[in-house]
Amino acid sequence: FDGMLMVLGTERGSADPIYFSVSYAKIDDQFLEVLNYKLIAGRNFSAEIPMDSSVVILNRTAAETFFGDDPIGRKLSPAGEGAPELTVIGVVEDFNFESLKTEIEPFAFFFNPNERHLHVRITPGDYSRTISELEKQWKAHSPELPFTYSFLDDDYDKLYKEEANSGRLFKVFTSLALFIACLGLVGLAAFTAEQRKKEITVRKVLGATAF
């Protein structure tokens, strides 16, 4: 996503205005379909509607937080002097845009058909040929911009590989700490036995077992 936006809204059940931090992204009118984001209320952006430059699509969490059960057509005010109001035209089902371990937060989409990032859904198969064709089309339309790409599943895989490595490192240090603690217990037991050597000797002379 592109960043954080401070917006002035009204929390559900209250008439007092309050500021919220909202993560947001700028997308075109095909982004939601390509990434299979489910539109549960309202409509998608349209390149044929000029007024879509001043509208917003929210995720379910943002819509319920700001407006309850009736978000379509409501106004959202970005913080900052002179910032224009935004009209809510749609709501998408919640999705994870951060780690799966974090709670889903409010999210907003703004319409920008001229974004420099392109998302493409491709059919499994000859990936090298598909990438070559995409690069050809990219250079034909935007020769001044370098063509770089990544697979979304690989990006997520890298994210959780780092977490897996951190988990393994944590296990190693935990095992080391337990080993050191056990050494301390063995040393304490040996020290106690040495201090009570005379008592142990007397007990054995009187017939006590080694245990």
Protein backbone atom coordinates (compact mmCIF):
# COMPACT_ATOMS: atom_id res chain seq x y z
CA PHE A 1 0.00 0.00 0.00
CA ASP A 2 1.02 3.60 -0.47
CA GLY A 3 0.96 4.94 3.07
CA MET A 4 -1.17 6.25 5.91
CA LEU A 5 -3.92 8.86 5.69
CA MET A 6 -5.46 10.80 8.57
CA VAL A 7 -9.20 11.18 8.04
CA LEU A 8 -11.91 12.94 10.02
CA GLY A 9 -14.86 10.64 10.58
CA THR A 10 -17.54 9.79 13.09
CA GLU A 11 -17.15 6.66 15.13
CA ARG A 12 -20.15 4.35 15.07
CA GLY A 13 -22.62 5.21 17.84
CA SER A 14 -21.22 8.70 18.39
CA ALA A 15 -21.90 12.09 16.84
CA ASP A 16 -18.51 13.54 17.73
CA PRO A 17 -15.88 13.77 14.95
CA ILE A 18 -12.68 11.79 15.50
CA TYR A 19 -9.43 11.30 13.59
CA PHE A 20 -8.51 7.87 12.26
CA SER A 21 -5.33 6.52 10.67
CA VAL A 22 -6.20 4.74 7.44
CA SER A 23 -3.86 2.79 5.18
CA TYR A 24 -4.55 3.41 1.51
CA ALA A 25 -3.58 2.50 -2.04
CA LYS A 26 -4.11 4.17 -5.41
CA ILE A 27 -5.54 1.80 -8.01
CA ASP A 28 -7.25 1.75 -11.41
CA ASP A 29 -10.69 0.37 -12.27
CA GLN A 30 -9.42 -3.19 -12.92
CA PHE A 31 -7.34 -3.75 -9.78
CA LEU A 32 -10.11 -5.23 -7.61
CA GLU A 33 -11.08 -7.75 -10.30
CA VAL A 34 -7.49 -8.81 -11.01
CA LEU A 35 -6.76 -9.50 -7.34
CA ASN A 36 -10.20 -11.04 -6.69
CA TYR A 37 -11.23 -8.50 -4.06
CA LYS A 38 -14.94 -8.98 -3.43
CA LEU A 39 -17.10 -5.86 -3.77
CA ILE A 40 -19.90 -6.28 -1.19
CA ALA A 41 -21.63 -2.91 -1.56
CA GLY A 42 -21.75 -0.05 -4.04
CA ARG A 43 -19.71 -0.01 -7.25
CA ASN A 44 -16.16 -0.10 -8.55
CA PHE A 45 -14.19 2.83 -9.98
CA SER A 46 -14.85 3.75 -13.62
CA ALA A 47 -12.50 5.48 -16.04
CA GLU A 48 -15.58 6.89 -17.80
CA ILE A 49 -16.78 8.86 -14.75
CA PRO A 50 -14.71 12.06 -14.23
CA MET A 51 -16.02 12.52 -10.67
CA ASP A 52 -14.30 9.29 -9.57
CA SER A 53 -11.21 11.37 -8.83
CA SER A 54 -12.94 12.47 -5.61
CA VAL A 55 -14.42 9.17 -4.44
CA VAL A 56 -13.16 6.35 -2.25
CA ILE A 57 -13.73 2.62 -1.75
CA LEU A 58 -13.36 1.29 1.80
CA ASN A 59 -12.82 -2.14 3.24
CA ARG A 60 -15.53 -3.57 5.50
CA THR A 61 -13.68 -2.61 8.69
CA ALA A 62 -13.34 1.04 7.65
CA ALA A 63 -16.96 1.25 6.49
CA GLU A 64 -18.33 -0.22 9.73
CA THR A 65 -16.02 1.88 11.88
CA PHE A 66 -16.94 5.18 10.23
CA PHE A 67 -20.53 4.73 9.08
CA GLY A 68 -22.04 1.53 10.46
CA ASP A 69 -24.38 -0.29 8.06
CA ASP A 70 -24.98 2.56 5.57
CA PRO A 71 -21.64 3.78 4.13
CA ILE A 72 -22.55 4.34 0.44
CA GLY A 73 -22.82 8.02 -0.44
CA ARG A 74 -21.38 9.18 2.89
CA LYS A 75 -18.56 11.73 3.05
CA LEU A 76 -15.04 11.19 4.35
CA SER A 77 -12.87 14.21 5.19
CA PRO A 78 -9.07 13.83 4.90
CA ALA A 79 -7.20 15.73 7.59
CA GLY A 80 -5.45 18.84 6.38
CA GLU A 81 -6.49 22.33 5.40
CA GLY A 82 -8.19 22.52 2.01
CA ALA A 83 -8.41 18.75 1.52
CA PRO A 84 -11.56 17.91 -0.50
CA GLU A 85 -14.25 15.60 0.88
CA LEU A 86 -14.39 12.08 -0.50
CA THR A 87 -17.62 10.25 -1.33
CA VAL A 88 -17.81 6.55 -0.47
CA ILE A 89 -18.95 4.62 -3.57
CA GLY A 90 -18.09 1.05 -2.59
CA VAL A 91 -17.09 -1.42 0.09
CA VAL A 92 -14.84 -4.46 -0.38
CA GLU A 93 -14.61 -7.49 1.86
CA ASP A 94 -11.78 -7.33 4.41
CA PHE A 95 -8.42 -8.68 3.26
CA ASN A 96 -5.01 -9.04 4.90
CA PHE A 97 -2.67 -6.29 3.73
CA GLU A 98 -0.19 -6.88 6.56
CA SER A 99 0.95 -9.97 8.44
CA LEU A 100 -1.73 -12.59 9.08
CA LYS A 101 -0.93 -12.23 12.78
CA THR A 102 -2.21 -8.63 12.89
CA GLU A 103 -5.82 -7.56 13.15
CA ILE A 104 -7.31 -6.12 9.95
CA GLU A 105 -7.35 -2.32 10.08
CA PRO A 106 -9.32 0.29 8.07
CA PHE A 107 -8.18 0.55 4.45
CA ALA A 108 -9.11 2.89 1.58
CA PHE A 109 -8.71 2.75 -2.20
CA PHE A 110 -8.39 5.89 -4.34
CA PHE A 111 -8.77 6.04 -8.10
CA ASN A 112 -5.60 6.72 -10.09
CA PRO A 113 -5.51 5.21 -13.61
CA ASN A 114 -1.90 6.38 -14.15
CA GLU A 115 -0.14 4.28 -11.50
CA ARG A 116 3.35 3.04 -12.46
CA HIS A 117 2.76 -0.42 -11.00
CA LEU A 118 0.95 -3.04 -13.05
CA HIS A 119 -0.72 -6.12 -11.56
CA VAL A 120 -1.28 -9.02 -13.94
CA ARG A 121 -3.01 -12.35 -13.34
CA ILE A 122 -1.41 -14.99 -15.55
CA THR A 123 -2.32 -18.57 -16.40
CA PRO A 124 0.07 -21.19 -14.97
CA GLY A 125 2.37 -22.60 -17.60
CA ASP A 126 5.18 -21.10 -19.65
CA TYR A 127 6.06 -18.23 -17.31
CA SER A 128 9.21 -17.19 -19.19
CA ARG A 129 7.26 -16.68 -22.40
CA THR A 130 4.56 -14.72 -20.57
CA ILE A 131 7.14 -12.49 -18.86
CA SER A 132 8.86 -11.83 -22.18
CA GLU A 133 5.57 -10.75 -23.74
CA LEU A 134 4.78 -8.50 -20.77
CA GLU A 135 8.22 -6.90 -21.03
CA LYS A 136 7.67 -6.32 -24.75
CA GLN A 137 4.34 -4.60 -24.12
CA TRP A 138 5.79 -2.58 -21.23
CA LYS A 139 8.64 -1.23 -23.35
CA ALA A 140 6.21 -0.41 -26.14
CA HIS A 141 4.06 1.74 -23.85
CA SER A 142 6.56 3.00 -21.24
CA PRO A 143 10.07 2.81 -22.71
CA GLU A 144 11.39 5.39 -20.25
CA LEU A 145 10.61 3.19 -17.23
CA PRO A 146 12.60 0.05 -16.34
CA PHE A 147 10.75 -3.27 -16.41
CA THR A 148 11.02 -5.07 -13.08
CA TYR A 149 8.63 -7.70 -11.77
CA SER A 150 7.95 -10.09 -8.91
CA PHE A 151 5.39 -12.78 -8.16
CA LEU A 152 3.00 -11.94 -5.34
CA ASP A 153 3.19 -15.43 -3.84
CA ASP A 154 7.00 -15.17 -3.79
CA ASP A 155 6.76 -11.84 -1.98
CA TYR A 156 4.59 -13.38 0.70
CA ASP A 157 6.85 -16.43 0.86
CA LYS A 158 9.87 -14.19 1.52
CA LEU A 159 7.96 -12.38 4.27
CA TYR A 160 7.17 -15.59 6.14
CA LYS A 161 10.59 -17.12 5.45
CA GLU A 162 12.06 -14.26 7.47
CA GLU A 163 9.61 -15.03 10.28
CA ALA A 164 10.48 -18.75 10.06
CA ASN A 165 14.20 -17.92 10.30
CA SER A 166 13.51 -15.74 13.33
CA GLY A 167 11.59 -18.63 14.89
CA ARG A 168 14.46 -21.05 14.35
CA LEU A 169 16.93 -18.55 15.81
CA PHE A 170 14.67 -18.12 18.84
CA LYS A 171 14.56 -21.92 19.33
CA VAL A 172 18.38 -22.13 19.18
CA PHE A 173 18.86 -19.44 21.84
CA THR A 174 16.08 -20.95 23.98
CA SER A 175 17.82 -24.35 23.86
CA LEU A 176 21.13 -22.71 24.73
CA ALA A 177 19.57 -20.92 27.70
CA LEU A 178 18.03 -24.18 28.95
CA PHE A 179 21.39 -25.97 28.58
CA ILE A 180 23.16 -23.27 30.61
CA ALA A 181 20.42 -23.44 33.25
CA CYS A 182 20.85 -27.23 33.50
CA LEU A 183 24.61 -26.79 33.90
CA GLY A 184 23.88 -24.45 36.77
CA LEU A 185 21.61 -27.03 38.41
CA VAL A 186 24.25 -29.75 38.04
CA GLY A 187 26.88 -27.44 39.53
CA LEU A 188 24.57 -26.53 42.43
CA ALA A 189 23.85 -30.22 43.10
CA ALA A 190 27.57 -31.06 43.06
CA PHE A 191 28.32 -28.15 45.40
CA THR A 192 25.56 -29.24 47.83
CA ALA A 193 26.82 -32.84 47.78
CA GLU A 194 30.36 -31.65 48.53
CA GLN A 195 29.11 -29.57 51.47
CA ARG A 196 27.27 -32.61 52.90
CA LYS A 197 30.01 -35.19 52.25
CA LYS A 198 30.46 -35.98 55.95
CA GLU A 199 26.70 -36.40 56.43
CA ILE A 200 26.52 -38.73 53.41
CA THR A 201 29.46 -40.78 54.74
CA VAL A 202 27.81 -41.23 58.13
CA ARG A 203 24.50 -42.23 56.50
CA LYS A 204 26.25 -44.88 54.35
CA VAL A 205 28.11 -46.24 57.39
CA LEU A 206 24.74 -46.60 59.12
CA GLY A 207 23.41 -48.60 56.14
CA ALA A 208 21.79 -46.01 53.85
CA THR A 209 21.69 -46.88 50.14
CA ALA A 210 23.54 -44.78 47.57
CA PHE A 211 20.24 -43.42 46.24
